[in-house]
Protein backbone atom coordinates (compact mmCIF):
# COMPACT_ATOMS: atom_id res chain seq x y z
CA MET A 1 -24.08 -61.39 66.32
CA ILE A 2 -21.39 -62.48 63.91
CA PRO A 3 -23.78 -62.80 60.94
CA GLN A 4 -25.01 -59.28 61.48
CA LEU A 5 -21.45 -57.95 61.48
CA LEU A 6 -20.70 -59.80 58.27
CA LYS A 7 -23.82 -58.40 56.65
CA SER A 8 -22.89 -54.86 57.70
CA ARG A 9 -19.35 -55.30 56.34
CA TRP A 10 -20.66 -56.60 53.00
CA ARG A 11 -23.01 -53.65 52.81
CA ALA A 12 -20.14 -51.25 53.47
CA VAL A 13 -17.98 -52.95 50.84
CA LEU A 14 -20.88 -52.89 48.38
CA LEU A 15 -21.51 -49.19 48.98
CA LEU A 16 -17.81 -48.39 48.55
CA GLY A 17 -17.77 -50.36 45.29
CA LEU A 18 -20.79 -48.52 43.95
CA PHE A 19 -19.28 -45.18 44.99
CA TRP A 20 -15.99 -46.00 43.23
CA VAL A 21 -17.81 -47.03 40.06
CA GLY A 22 -19.86 -43.84 40.14
CA VAL A 23 -16.79 -41.69 40.66
CA SER A 24 -14.91 -43.47 37.89
CA LEU A 25 -17.83 -43.02 35.49
CA THR A 26 -18.36 -39.33 36.23
CA THR A 27 -14.71 -38.28 36.49
CA PRO A 28 -14.03 -37.70 32.71
CA ALA A 29 -17.20 -35.66 32.23
CA ALA A 30 -16.51 -33.68 35.37
CA ALA A 31 -12.95 -33.03 34.21
CA GLN A 32 -14.22 -31.75 30.89
CA VAL A 33 -16.75 -29.49 32.53
CA LEU A 34 -14.53 -28.20 35.33
CA ASN A 35 -11.45 -27.44 33.11
CA PRO A 36 -12.15 -24.06 31.45
CA ASN A 37 -8.61 -23.75 29.94
CA ILE A 38 -9.32 -26.12 27.07
CA SER A 39 -10.38 -24.15 23.93
CA LEU A 40 -10.42 -24.78 20.21
CA GLN A 41 -10.12 -21.89 17.73
CA LEU A 42 -10.35 -22.30 13.98
CA PRO A 43 -8.43 -19.95 11.63
CA THR A 44 -10.30 -17.24 9.73
CA TYR A 45 -9.21 -16.05 6.29
CA ARG A 46 -10.30 -12.84 4.59
CA PHE A 47 -9.03 -11.55 1.28
CA PHE A 48 -10.05 -9.28 -1.61
CA THR A 49 -8.88 -8.76 -5.17
CA VAL A 50 -8.57 -5.73 -7.44
CA GLN A 51 -8.73 -6.02 -11.23
CA THR A 52 -7.41 -2.89 -12.89
CA ASN A 53 -4.58 -1.50 -15.02
CA VAL A 54 -2.22 1.22 -13.83
CA VAL A 55 0.86 2.96 -15.22
CA VAL A 56 3.70 3.02 -12.70
CA PRO A 57 7.03 4.80 -13.35
CA ASP A 58 10.36 3.31 -12.47
CA SER A 59 10.92 3.17 -8.68
CA GLY A 60 7.37 4.44 -8.19
CA GLY A 61 4.11 3.11 -6.84
CA ALA A 62 0.35 3.35 -7.28
CA TYR A 63 -2.60 2.74 -4.96
CA LEU A 64 -4.95 0.12 -6.40
CA GLY A 65 -7.82 0.05 -3.95
CA GLY A 66 -8.92 -0.84 -0.44
CA ILE A 67 -11.77 -2.06 1.73
CA ARG A 68 -13.07 -1.13 5.17
CA ARG A 69 -15.15 -3.21 7.58
CA SER A 70 -16.92 -2.24 10.79
CA SER A 71 -19.26 -3.95 13.23
CA ASN A 72 -20.99 -3.01 16.49
CA GLY A 73 -22.46 -5.27 19.15
CA SER A 74 -24.02 -5.09 22.60
CA THR A 75 -25.00 -7.60 25.29
CA ALA A 76 -27.31 -7.02 28.24
CA PHE A 77 -28.03 -9.22 31.27
CA HIS A 78 -30.79 -7.91 33.49
CA PRO A 79 -32.26 -10.32 36.03
CA SER A 80 -35.39 -8.84 37.57
CA MET A 81 -34.52 -9.71 41.17
CA LEU A 82 -30.72 -9.21 41.31
CA GLY A 83 -30.07 -5.50 40.82
CA PRO A 84 -29.68 -3.23 37.80
CA GLY A 85 -27.96 -5.82 35.60
CA VAL A 86 -24.92 -5.80 33.33
CA ARG A 87 -24.53 -4.33 29.85
CA GLY A 88 -21.59 -4.68 27.46
CA ARG A 89 -20.79 -2.99 24.15
CA GLY A 90 -18.17 -3.72 21.51
CA GLN A 91 -16.90 -2.29 18.23
CA ASN A 92 -14.71 -3.71 15.51
CA ARG A 93 -12.97 -1.69 12.78
CA GLN A 94 -10.84 -3.14 9.98
CA ALA A 95 -9.19 -1.56 6.97
CA GLY A 96 -7.07 -3.00 4.18
CA GLY A 97 -5.43 -1.61 1.06
CA MET A 98 -3.51 -2.77 -1.96
CA GLN A 99 -0.55 -0.98 -3.55
CA VAL A 100 1.80 -1.88 -6.37
CA GLU A 101 5.42 -0.77 -6.75
CA ALA A 102 7.65 -1.18 -9.78
CA THR A 103 11.42 -1.20 -10.16
CA ILE A 104 13.04 -1.67 -13.55
CA ILE A 105 16.35 -3.51 -13.38
CA ASP A 106 18.39 -3.19 -16.57
CA HIS A 107 21.24 -5.67 -16.27
CA GLN A 108 22.96 -4.36 -19.40
CA GLU A 109 22.98 -0.82 -18.03
CA LEU A 110 24.39 -2.08 -14.73
CA ASP A 111 27.14 -3.91 -16.60
CA ARG A 112 28.00 -0.76 -18.55
CA GLN A 113 28.23 1.29 -15.37
CA LEU A 114 30.47 -1.26 -13.67
CA LEU A 115 32.73 -1.49 -16.71
CA ALA A 116 32.94 2.30 -16.96
CA GLU A 117 33.97 2.57 -13.30
CA THR A 118 36.57 -0.15 -13.81
CA ASN A 119 37.98 1.57 -16.89
CA ASP A 120 38.20 4.88 -15.04
CA ARG A 121 40.20 3.28 -12.25
CA GLU A 122 42.51 1.40 -14.62
CA MET A 123 43.02 4.17 -17.19
CA PRO A 124 46.73 4.69 -17.97
CA GLU A 125 48.33 8.09 -17.63
CA LYS A 126 48.80 8.39 -21.40
CA GLU A 127 45.08 8.02 -22.08
CA ALA A 128 44.33 10.52 -19.34
CA ARG A 129 46.60 13.09 -21.02
CA SER A 130 44.94 12.39 -24.38
CA LEU A 131 41.50 12.99 -22.92
CA LYS A 132 42.72 16.21 -21.30
CA MET A 133 44.02 17.46 -24.66
CA GLN A 134 40.72 16.62 -26.32
CA ALA A 135 38.84 18.53 -23.63
CA THR A 136 41.11 21.57 -24.15
CA ARG A 137 40.58 21.39 -27.91
CA SER A 138 36.81 21.20 -27.42
CA SER A 139 36.92 24.29 -25.20
CA SER A 140 38.84 26.29 -27.83
CA GLU A 141 36.42 25.14 -30.51
CA SER A 142 33.54 26.28 -28.34
CA LEU A 143 35.10 29.73 -28.00
CA THR A 144 35.62 29.86 -31.77
CA SER A 145 31.99 28.92 -32.36
CA VAL A 146 30.84 31.68 -30.00
CA SER A 147 32.95 34.21 -31.91
CA ALA A 148 31.49 32.98 -35.18
CA ILE A 149 27.96 33.40 -33.84
CA GLU A 150 28.70 36.94 -32.68
CA ALA A 151 30.19 37.80 -36.08
CA LYS A 152 27.12 36.40 -37.82
CA ILE A 153 24.80 38.49 -35.64
CA ALA A 154 26.83 41.62 -36.36
CA ALA A 155 26.73 40.93 -40.12
CA GLU A 156 22.96 40.47 -40.04
CA ALA A 157 22.53 43.74 -38.11
CA LYS A 158 24.72 45.57 -40.63
CA GLU A 159 22.71 44.14 -43.53
CA LYS A 160 19.44 45.27 -41.92
CA GLN A 161 20.89 48.75 -41.43
CA GLN A 162 21.90 48.91 -45.10
CA LYS A 163 18.40 47.87 -46.24
CA ALA A 164 16.89 50.49 -43.93
CA TRP A 165 19.17 53.15 -45.47
CA GLN A 166 18.11 52.10 -48.98
CA ASP A 167 14.40 52.33 -48.07
CA TYR A 168 15.02 55.73 -46.50
CA GLN A 169 16.64 57.02 -49.71
CA ARG A 170 13.77 55.63 -51.79
CA GLY A 171 11.32 57.51 -49.57
CA LEU A 172 13.21 60.76 -50.12
CA ALA A 173 13.14 60.17 -53.89
CA ALA A 174 9.38 59.48 -53.80
CA LEU A 175 8.80 62.66 -51.78
CA ASP A 176 10.79 64.70 -54.37
CA GLN A 177 8.53 63.22 -57.08
CA GLY A 178 5.43 64.45 -55.23
CA LYS A 179 4.43 61.01 -53.88
CA PRO A 180 4.13 61.45 -50.10
CA LYS A 181 2.13 58.23 -49.60
CA VAL A 182 4.83 56.15 -51.32
CA ALA A 183 7.49 57.93 -49.26
CA LYS A 184 5.57 57.08 -46.08
CA ILE A 185 5.50 53.37 -47.02
CA TYR A 186 9.27 53.29 -47.65
CA TRP A 187 10.02 55.09 -44.39
CA GLN A 188 7.78 52.76 -42.38
CA MET A 189 9.66 49.77 -43.85
CA ALA A 190 12.98 51.43 -43.05
CA LEU A 191 11.87 52.21 -39.49
CA ARG A 192 11.39 48.49 -38.72
CA ARG A 193 15.03 47.74 -39.67
CA ALA A 194 16.88 50.92 -38.67
CA GLU A 195 18.87 51.45 -35.48
CA GLY A 196 20.47 54.43 -33.78
CA THR A 197 20.75 57.77 -35.61
CA LEU A 198 19.09 56.53 -38.79
CA LYS A 199 16.03 55.43 -36.84
CA ASN A 200 15.73 58.87 -35.20
CA GLN A 201 16.02 60.57 -38.60
CA ILE A 202 13.27 58.40 -40.11
CA GLN A 203 10.97 59.16 -37.17
CA ARG A 204 11.47 62.91 -37.72
CA GLU A 205 10.72 62.55 -41.44
CA LEU A 206 7.49 60.65 -40.71
CA ALA A 207 6.40 63.27 -38.17
CA SER A 208 7.11 66.10 -40.63
CA LEU A 209 5.25 64.24 -43.38
CA ALA A 210 2.23 63.74 -41.14
CA ALA A 211 2.20 67.46 -40.25
CA THR A 212 2.35 68.59 -43.88
CA THR A 213 -0.28 66.13 -45.20
CA ILE A 214 -3.14 66.91 -42.81
CA PRO A 215 -6.35 66.60 -44.87
CA ASN A 216 -8.44 69.71 -45.48
CA PRO A 217 -11.71 69.50 -43.50
CA ASN A 218 -13.52 71.34 -46.34
């Protein structure tokens, strides 16, 4: 009886040892299969280049170019014995662009502006009065120059009127000499320069000359 019990105990111990070895051998693989939270994702890089020349103003920009990508996909699972099945669809849209902006930084100009602001703040009262006097003098000179321009325009108008009067007198002399065509030429020249009463007089003379020199149809 005792030997049979010993044999059964050794068998139980042997079975437990084999079970432990089997569990210890299959545990890592089972852990890898049963743990779905472990994932490995590699990075993906996409880039594009644009080779061109553009003219960009200061503080401006220019669009160089762009690229668009799109993809569609679908998946269907339809077992013949388990209902209508499952279908999935997916879309992917990507767009990228390239733009250039330019800003010109002139350090010398910035220095000049800063120095000018500093000088304005630190300008003594004497220099301020001097600048005010110069501004007043410039204003009076501007008024004088305007008066000179008006006087020049008046002198030119007077000279034109005198030339028109001379051409008008020459036309009268030509008409007295029996040369109506020459008189007409002088009066037309005078009409382009004349103003006011003289212009009206020349127009009447031309109308009278045209009425008296109608050609004979015979």
